[in-house]
């Protein structure tokens, strides 16, 4: 409960953190016909403008289908409720598009916890691992570094937090924690955050 009282500004990754991971990134890359080595957004950024726009539309369509199937991660509703009851600010930083983020949250039935202006997607800020989305939310909230925390399930979430100068919580249901060295805290599920 210590972190819940210390940290008044909470920024969450969405897919694989607040919702159960469903993206098969290798399959998406193959469907888009892009590099299997680079992450999707980096690959798209290197394409000529016209092709990039076509691929972005295709990516949005693929992700929309995935968004409709979203399921809330175990413990997400409980944690978000606790944070709201305590009067804390909560936001989302996702590499997804805004429309698909909204659809994901609706399908997972956790959309009511978030103000739309506090859902930062790839259209609104440079994507993680860049810290821009975190810094944007902190400006909105007038948040201090030591009162802000980033929660995510992937290396880019941890690096975005580190690049912004805030602490991070790394969630990995497998318990393997390959990116543990980049995180301040590591948990297997969201319920554990209540006891940090």
Protein backbone atom coordinates (compact mmCIF):
# COMPACT_ATOMS: atom_id res chain seq x y z
CA UNK A 1 0.00 0.00 0.00
CA UNK A 2 3.04 2.27 0.37
CA UNK A 3 3.34 2.93 -3.38
CA UNK A 4 -0.39 3.58 -3.67
CA UNK A 5 -0.12 6.43 -1.20
CA UNK A 6 3.27 7.75 -2.40
CA UNK A 7 2.46 7.80 -6.11
CA UNK A 8 -0.46 10.03 -7.01
CA UNK A 9 -0.01 9.88 -10.80
CA UNK A 10 -0.27 6.50 -12.51
CA UNK A 11 0.45 5.86 -16.18
CA UNK A 12 -0.38 2.44 -17.60
CA UNK A 13 0.52 0.63 -20.76
CA UNK A 14 -2.65 -0.98 -22.11
CA UNK A 15 -2.16 -4.24 -24.06
CA UNK A 16 -0.57 -6.91 -21.87
CA UNK A 17 -0.81 -4.68 -18.79
CA UNK A 18 -4.43 -3.63 -18.18
CA UNK A 19 -5.71 -6.11 -20.75
CA UNK A 20 -4.63 -9.67 -21.55
CA UNK A 21 -1.95 -9.70 -24.29
CA UNK A 22 -3.49 -10.83 -27.60
CA UNK A 23 -1.19 -9.33 -30.24
CA UNK A 24 0.87 -11.75 -32.31
CA UNK A 25 3.43 -9.20 -33.47
CA UNK A 26 5.24 -11.61 -35.78
CA UNK A 27 1.99 -12.45 -37.58
CA UNK A 28 1.10 -8.75 -37.85
CA UNK A 29 4.52 -7.96 -39.37
CA UNK A 30 4.09 -10.79 -41.87
CA UNK A 31 0.60 -9.59 -42.80
CA UNK A 32 1.92 -6.04 -43.30
CA UNK A 33 4.91 -7.34 -45.28
CA UNK A 34 7.44 -5.42 -43.19
CA UNK A 35 10.74 -6.25 -41.48
CA UNK A 36 10.53 -9.03 -38.91
CA UNK A 37 13.58 -7.63 -37.10
CA UNK A 38 12.30 -4.14 -36.22
CA UNK A 39 9.25 -3.23 -34.16
CA UNK A 40 6.19 -2.35 -36.26
CA UNK A 41 6.15 1.43 -35.73
CA UNK A 42 9.87 1.75 -36.44
CA UNK A 43 9.45 -0.26 -39.65
CA UNK A 44 6.54 1.94 -40.78
CA UNK A 45 8.47 5.12 -40.03
CA UNK A 46 11.17 4.08 -42.51
CA UNK A 47 8.77 3.59 -45.45
CA UNK A 48 8.04 6.15 -48.19
CA UNK A 49 5.10 8.37 -47.14
CA UNK A 50 2.46 6.91 -49.48
CA UNK A 51 3.27 3.29 -48.59
CA UNK A 52 3.50 4.20 -44.91
CA UNK A 53 -0.04 5.66 -44.96
CA UNK A 54 -1.41 2.51 -46.62
CA UNK A 55 0.32 0.26 -44.08
CA UNK A 56 -0.92 2.41 -41.17
CA UNK A 57 -4.52 1.99 -42.37
CA UNK A 58 -3.94 -1.76 -42.67
CA UNK A 59 -2.40 -1.86 -39.17
CA UNK A 60 -5.37 0.06 -37.72
CA UNK A 61 -7.74 -2.51 -39.25
CA UNK A 62 -5.76 -5.46 -37.87
CA UNK A 63 -5.57 -3.89 -34.40
CA UNK A 64 -9.27 -3.00 -34.41
CA UNK A 65 -10.18 -6.69 -34.79
CA UNK A 66 -7.88 -7.50 -31.84
CA UNK A 67 -9.33 -4.61 -29.80
CA UNK A 68 -12.86 -6.05 -30.07
CA UNK A 69 -11.61 -9.21 -28.29
CA UNK A 70 -9.95 -7.43 -25.34
CA UNK A 71 -10.31 -8.91 -21.85
CA UNK A 72 -9.35 -7.09 -18.67
CA UNK A 73 -6.21 -8.38 -16.95
CA UNK A 74 -6.81 -10.03 -13.59
CA UNK A 75 -6.69 -7.33 -10.89
CA UNK A 76 -7.05 -4.36 -13.25
CA UNK A 77 -10.55 -3.35 -12.13
CA UNK A 78 -9.61 -3.66 -8.46
CA UNK A 79 -6.39 -1.64 -8.83
CA UNK A 80 -8.02 1.10 -10.92
CA UNK A 81 -10.90 1.32 -8.42
CA UNK A 82 -8.45 1.71 -5.53
CA UNK A 83 -6.56 4.47 -7.33
CA UNK A 84 -9.77 6.34 -8.15
CA UNK A 85 -11.05 6.04 -4.56
CA UNK A 86 -7.76 7.56 -3.38
CA UNK A 87 -8.25 10.48 -5.74
CA UNK A 88 -5.19 9.67 -7.87
CA UNK A 89 -4.80 10.59 -11.53
CA UNK A 90 -4.60 7.70 -13.99
CA UNK A 91 -3.74 7.66 -17.67
CA UNK A 92 -2.75 5.36 -20.49
CA UNK A 93 0.30 5.46 -22.73
CA UNK A 94 -0.04 3.06 -25.65
CA UNK A 95 1.63 2.49 -29.00
CA UNK A 96 -1.86 1.70 -30.33
CA UNK A 97 -4.09 4.20 -32.17
CA UNK A 98 -6.58 6.31 -30.19
CA UNK A 99 -9.71 4.72 -31.71
CA UNK A 100 -8.39 1.22 -31.08
CA UNK A 101 -7.38 2.14 -27.53
CA UNK A 102 -10.95 3.29 -26.83
CA UNK A 103 -12.34 0.10 -28.39
CA UNK A 104 -9.96 -2.06 -26.34
CA UNK A 105 -10.93 -0.38 -23.06
CA UNK A 106 -14.65 -0.68 -23.90
CA UNK A 107 -14.36 -4.38 -24.78
CA UNK A 108 -12.45 -4.99 -21.51
CA UNK A 109 -15.07 -2.91 -19.61
CA UNK A 110 -12.53 -0.59 -18.02
CA UNK A 111 -13.15 2.48 -20.19
CA UNK A 112 -15.08 4.30 -17.44
CA UNK A 113 -11.88 4.70 -15.39
CA UNK A 114 -10.17 6.94 -17.96
CA UNK A 115 -10.67 10.46 -19.25
CA UNK A 116 -10.21 10.48 -23.02
CA UNK A 117 -7.66 13.31 -22.82
CA UNK A 118 -5.53 11.10 -20.56
CA UNK A 119 -5.26 8.31 -23.16
CA UNK A 120 -2.04 9.03 -25.03
CA UNK A 121 -1.54 7.02 -28.21
CA UNK A 122 0.89 6.93 -31.12
CA UNK A 123 -1.03 9.77 -32.85
CA UNK A 124 -0.56 12.15 -29.91
CA UNK A 125 3.06 11.62 -28.81
CA UNK A 126 6.23 9.96 -30.04
CA UNK A 127 5.85 6.26 -29.19
CA UNK A 128 7.58 4.50 -26.31
CA UNK A 129 10.48 4.13 -25.52
CA UNK A 130 10.44 7.91 -26.03
CA UNK A 131 9.25 9.66 -22.83
CA UNK A 132 7.03 12.22 -24.61
CA UNK A 133 3.70 10.64 -23.65
CA UNK A 134 4.64 10.44 -19.96
CA UNK A 135 5.89 14.03 -19.97
CA UNK A 136 2.69 15.16 -21.71
CA UNK A 137 0.51 13.62 -18.98
CA UNK A 138 2.73 15.00 -16.24
CA UNK A 139 2.33 18.51 -17.66
CA UNK A 140 -1.46 18.04 -17.81
CA UNK A 141 -1.53 16.95 -14.17
CA UNK A 142 1.23 19.28 -12.94
CA UNK A 143 2.80 16.08 -11.57
CA UNK A 144 6.16 15.76 -9.83
CA UNK A 145 8.66 13.08 -10.89
CA UNK A 146 8.75 11.37 -7.51
CA UNK A 147 4.93 11.15 -7.39
CA UNK A 148 4.58 9.53 -10.84
CA UNK A 149 4.92 5.89 -11.88
CA UNK A 150 4.78 3.99 -15.20
CA UNK A 151 3.32 0.45 -15.27
CA UNK A 152 3.92 -1.86 -18.23
CA UNK A 153 4.76 -5.33 -19.49
CA UNK A 154 7.55 -4.62 -21.98
CA UNK A 155 11.03 -3.15 -22.24
CA UNK A 156 9.74 -0.01 -24.01
CA UNK A 157 7.48 0.78 -21.04
CA UNK A 158 10.41 0.58 -18.65
CA UNK A 159 12.66 2.65 -20.91
CA UNK A 160 9.97 5.30 -21.41
CA UNK A 161 9.66 5.60 -17.63
CA UNK A 162 13.42 5.74 -17.17
CA UNK A 163 13.77 8.32 -19.97
CA UNK A 164 11.11 10.47 -18.30
CA UNK A 165 12.81 10.16 -14.91
CA UNK A 166 9.95 8.31 -13.17
CA UNK A 167 9.83 4.94 -11.41
CA UNK A 168 8.47 1.87 -13.17
CA UNK A 169 6.56 -1.31 -12.36
CA UNK A 170 7.14 -4.27 -14.67
CA UNK A 171 4.36 -6.85 -14.92
CA UNK A 172 5.19 -10.30 -16.28
CA UNK A 173 2.62 -13.06 -15.59
CA UNK A 174 5.20 -15.71 -16.58
CA UNK A 175 7.49 -14.64 -13.73
CA UNK A 176 10.54 -14.73 -16.05
CA UNK A 177 11.11 -10.93 -15.95
CA UNK A 178 13.61 -10.59 -18.84
CA UNK A 179 13.59 -6.77 -18.48
CA UNK A 180 13.80 -6.70 -14.68
CA UNK A 181 17.07 -4.75 -14.69
CA UNK A 182 15.29 -1.79 -16.29
CA UNK A 183 12.45 -1.71 -13.72
CA UNK A 184 12.15 -0.42 -10.16
CA UNK A 185 9.57 -3.05 -9.21
CA UNK A 186 8.56 -6.37 -10.77
CA UNK A 187 5.22 -8.15 -10.24
CA UNK A 188 3.51 -11.19 -11.71
CA UNK A 189 0.06 -9.62 -11.53
CA UNK A 190 -1.61 -6.29 -10.86
CA UNK A 191 -2.91 -7.40 -7.46
CA UNK A 192 0.67 -7.43 -6.14
CA UNK A 193 0.89 -3.66 -6.68
CA UNK A 194 -1.53 -3.18 -3.78
CA UNK A 195 1.15 -4.52 -1.43
CA UNK A 196 4.29 -2.80 -2.75
